[in-house]
N, C-alpha and C. Protein backbone atom coordinates (compact mmCIF):
# COMPACT_ATOMS: atom_id res chain seq x y z
N MET A 1 -7.18 -22.77 -2.26
CA MET A 1 -6.16 -22.83 -0.61
C MET A 1 -4.87 -23.47 -0.63
N LYS A 2 -4.52 -23.66 -2.18
CA LYS A 2 -3.15 -24.05 -2.49
C LYS A 2 -2.14 -23.19 -2.04
N LEU A 3 -2.45 -22.31 -3.15
CA LEU A 3 -1.19 -20.69 -3.14
C LEU A 3 -1.50 -20.32 -2.06
N ILE A 4 -2.51 -20.62 -0.79
CA ILE A 4 -2.15 -19.68 0.79
C ILE A 4 -1.31 -20.75 0.90
N ASN A 5 -1.69 -21.92 1.49
CA ASN A 5 -0.71 -22.85 2.43
C ASN A 5 1.02 -22.30 1.86
N SER A 6 1.02 -22.44 0.06
CA SER A 6 2.08 -21.84 -0.37
C SER A 6 2.75 -20.79 0.05
N CYS A 7 2.37 -19.41 0.03
CA CYS A 7 2.68 -18.35 0.41
C CYS A 7 2.96 -18.04 2.33
N ARG A 8 2.53 -19.19 2.73
CA ARG A 8 2.29 -18.85 4.28
C ARG A 8 3.20 -19.84 4.47
N ALA A 9 3.96 -21.13 3.91
CA ALA A 9 5.29 -21.55 3.61
C ALA A 9 6.11 -20.64 3.75
N VAL A 10 6.09 -20.12 2.42
CA VAL A 10 7.57 -19.48 1.93
C VAL A 10 7.33 -17.95 3.39
N LEU A 11 6.45 -17.37 4.19
CA LEU A 11 6.69 -16.16 4.99
C LEU A 11 7.06 -17.25 5.95
N THR A 12 7.09 -17.57 6.97
CA THR A 12 6.76 -19.02 7.49
C THR A 12 8.94 -18.56 8.24
N GLY A 13 9.08 -19.42 6.21
CA GLY A 13 10.40 -19.62 6.06
C GLY A 13 11.79 -18.49 6.10
N ILE A 14 10.78 -17.04 5.84
CA ILE A 14 11.53 -15.97 5.86
C ILE A 14 11.63 -15.61 7.32
N LEU A 15 10.54 -15.86 7.72
CA LEU A 15 10.37 -14.99 10.07
C LEU A 15 11.40 -16.09 10.38
N ALA A 16 11.16 -17.69 10.13
CA ALA A 16 12.56 -17.91 10.41
C ALA A 16 13.94 -17.90 10.14
N PHE A 17 14.28 -17.54 8.93
CA PHE A 17 15.55 -17.01 8.77
C PHE A 17 15.76 -15.64 9.18
N CYS A 18 15.17 -14.87 9.57
CA CYS A 18 15.64 -13.76 9.66
C CYS A 18 15.58 -13.73 11.37
N LEU A 19 14.87 -15.20 12.44
CA LEU A 19 14.66 -15.04 13.60
C LEU A 19 16.56 -15.66 14.27
N ILE A 20 16.43 -16.47 12.87
CA ILE A 20 17.73 -17.60 13.44
C ILE A 20 19.43 -17.12 13.21
N SER A 21 19.45 -15.29 12.11
CA SER A 21 20.20 -15.07 11.53
C SER A 21 20.56 -13.97 12.23
N GLY A 22 19.11 -13.12 12.93
CA GLY A 22 20.13 -12.22 13.85
C GLY A 22 19.82 -10.88 12.83
N VAL A 23 18.67 -10.55 11.92
CA VAL A 23 18.79 -9.75 10.89
C VAL A 23 18.11 -8.37 11.07
N THR A 24 18.68 -7.53 11.11
CA THR A 24 18.35 -6.76 11.44
C THR A 24 17.16 -5.55 10.56
N ALA A 25 16.69 -5.01 11.00
CA ALA A 25 15.32 -3.96 10.14
C ALA A 25 16.31 -3.47 9.05
N ALA A 26 17.48 -3.21 8.81
CA ALA A 26 17.74 -2.97 7.67
C ALA A 26 18.66 -4.51 7.12
N ASP A 27 18.43 -5.00 7.28
CA ASP A 27 18.77 -6.37 6.42
C ASP A 27 17.34 -6.37 6.18
N ALA A 28 16.49 -6.45 6.76
CA ALA A 28 15.18 -7.41 6.77
C ALA A 28 14.67 -7.23 4.78
N LYS A 29 15.10 -5.40 4.93
CA LYS A 29 14.62 -4.97 3.55
C LYS A 29 15.56 -6.24 1.91
N GLY A 30 16.57 -6.75 2.63
CA GLY A 30 17.16 -7.68 1.52
C GLY A 30 16.84 -8.61 1.72
N VAL A 31 16.76 -9.29 2.69
CA VAL A 31 16.02 -10.53 2.94
C VAL A 31 14.58 -10.76 2.43
N VAL A 32 13.56 -10.42 2.83
CA VAL A 32 12.09 -9.73 2.79
C VAL A 32 12.35 -9.43 0.32
N LYS A 33 13.34 -8.82 0.09
CA LYS A 33 12.79 -8.56 -1.52
C LYS A 33 13.66 -10.17 -2.02
N GLY A 34 14.82 -10.25 -2.19
CA GLY A 34 15.46 -11.66 -2.45
C GLY A 34 14.58 -12.92 -2.23
N ALA A 35 13.62 -12.77 -1.12
CA ALA A 35 12.84 -14.73 -0.68
C ALA A 35 11.57 -14.16 -1.87
N VAL A 36 11.34 -11.99 -2.30
CA VAL A 36 9.57 -12.47 -3.43
C VAL A 36 10.65 -12.91 -4.33
N VAL A 37 11.54 -12.29 -4.69
CA VAL A 37 12.01 -12.28 -6.51
C VAL A 37 13.10 -14.55 -6.69
N GLY A 38 13.38 -15.11 -5.73
CA GLY A 38 13.43 -16.02 -5.15
C GLY A 38 12.26 -17.08 -5.89
N ALA A 39 11.67 -16.80 -4.60
CA ALA A 39 9.88 -17.30 -4.75
C ALA A 39 9.71 -17.36 -6.80
N THR A 40 9.31 -15.83 -6.71
CA THR A 40 9.24 -16.13 -8.00
C THR A 40 9.98 -16.72 -9.47
N ALA A 41 11.07 -16.61 -9.67
CA ALA A 41 11.79 -17.03 -10.11
C ALA A 41 11.13 -18.38 -9.96
N GLY A 42 11.99 -19.15 -8.87
CA GLY A 42 11.36 -20.89 -8.47
C GLY A 42 9.82 -20.75 -8.70
N HIS A 43 9.19 -20.78 -9.13
CA HIS A 43 7.61 -20.67 -9.22
C HIS A 43 7.73 -20.58 -11.28
N PHE A 44 8.47 -19.97 -11.42
CA PHE A 44 8.78 -20.29 -13.19
C PHE A 44 9.34 -21.25 -13.48
N VAL A 45 10.20 -21.45 -12.51
CA VAL A 45 10.82 -23.00 -12.94
C VAL A 45 10.65 -24.57 -13.21
N GLY A 46 9.35 -24.44 -12.22
CA GLY A 46 8.24 -25.40 -11.87
C GLY A 46 7.97 -25.89 -10.86
N HIS A 47 7.16 -26.79 -10.64
CA HIS A 47 6.96 -27.88 -8.98
C HIS A 47 7.45 -27.50 -8.48
N GLY A 48 7.25 -26.92 -7.05
CA GLY A 48 7.29 -27.02 -5.46
C GLY A 48 8.99 -26.20 -6.03
N HIS A 49 8.73 -24.89 -6.24
CA HIS A 49 10.93 -24.63 -6.90
C HIS A 49 10.37 -23.50 -6.06
N ALA A 50 9.08 -22.77 -5.62
CA ALA A 50 9.34 -21.45 -5.65
C ALA A 50 9.48 -21.51 -3.89
N LYS A 51 9.44 -22.68 -2.99
CA LYS A 51 9.55 -22.39 -1.42
C LYS A 51 11.55 -22.23 -1.34
N ALA A 52 12.27 -23.26 -2.58
CA ALA A 52 13.44 -23.80 -2.74
C ALA A 52 14.02 -22.06 -3.03
N GLY A 53 13.52 -21.43 -3.57
CA GLY A 53 14.38 -20.34 -4.31
C GLY A 53 13.80 -18.91 -3.51
N ALA A 54 12.65 -19.62 -2.87
CA ALA A 54 12.09 -17.96 -1.70
C ALA A 54 13.32 -17.77 -0.72
N VAL A 55 13.87 -19.75 -0.12
CA VAL A 55 15.35 -19.10 0.85
C VAL A 55 16.23 -18.96 0.25
N ALA A 56 16.57 -19.78 -0.46
CA ALA A 56 17.57 -19.24 -1.72
C ALA A 56 17.78 -17.72 -1.73
N GLY A 57 17.08 -17.19 -2.27
CA GLY A 57 16.51 -15.75 -2.47
C GLY A 57 16.88 -14.68 -0.78
N ALA A 58 16.30 -15.41 -0.52
CA ALA A 58 16.40 -14.98 1.24
C ALA A 58 17.68 -14.74 2.08
N VAL A 59 18.04 -15.73 1.78
CA VAL A 59 19.80 -16.07 1.69
C VAL A 59 20.84 -14.43 1.04
N ALA A 60 20.35 -14.94 -0.60
CA ALA A 60 21.64 -13.53 -1.00
C ALA A 60 21.25 -12.17 -0.77
N GLY A 61 19.65 -11.90 -0.37
CA GLY A 61 19.46 -10.53 -0.42
C GLY A 61 19.94 -10.47 1.16
N HIS A 62 20.16 -11.42 2.16
CA HIS A 62 20.39 -11.16 3.48
C HIS A 62 22.04 -10.87 3.06
N HIS A 63 22.89 -11.71 2.74
CA HIS A 63 24.04 -11.52 1.75
C HIS A 63 24.62 -10.44 1.54
N HIS A 64 24.03 -10.02 0.53
CA HIS A 64 24.61 -8.29 -0.66
C HIS A 64 23.83 -7.03 0.66
N ALA A 65 22.42 -7.04 1.33
CA ALA A 65 22.30 -6.39 2.01
C ALA A 65 23.53 -6.25 3.60
N ALA A 66 23.77 -6.84 3.90
CA ALA A 66 24.67 -6.71 4.84
C ALA A 66 26.64 -6.49 3.99
N LYS A 67 26.39 -7.04 2.65
CA LYS A 67 27.47 -6.50 2.25
C LYS A 67 28.10 -4.89 1.77
N LYS A 68 26.37 -4.46 1.57
CA LYS A 68 25.88 -3.12 1.17
C LYS A 68 26.18 -2.27 2.38
N ALA A 69 26.18 -2.56 3.83
CA ALA A 69 25.58 -2.20 4.70
C ALA A 69 27.53 -1.50 5.16
N ALA A 70 28.46 -3.13 5.31
CA ALA A 70 29.88 -2.89 5.50
C ALA A 70 30.45 -2.06 4.98
N HIS A 71 30.05 -1.96 3.28
CA HIS A 71 30.52 -1.29 2.72
C HIS A 71 30.33 0.35 2.81
N ALA A 72 29.40 0.91 3.54
CA ALA A 72 29.27 2.17 3.04
C ALA A 72 29.68 2.76 4.98
N LYS A 73 29.90 1.68 5.70
CA LYS A 73 30.53 2.14 6.66
C LYS A 73 31.80 2.49 6.78
């Protein structure tokens, strides 16, 4: 049950970030990928770090996706 609540919190955070920052469909891949990688890394670091890792990963993924899109133009 604890894992389900943690996953729900991470997904809610990702959704909130996407809505607030105005992420487009192309950038959403970077946000989700970054959040998954960050949550996994945070999980292995220690207790309670998965959520922080997911948020940091989502921000980093959004930044890299936006930079890649700007470079492609």
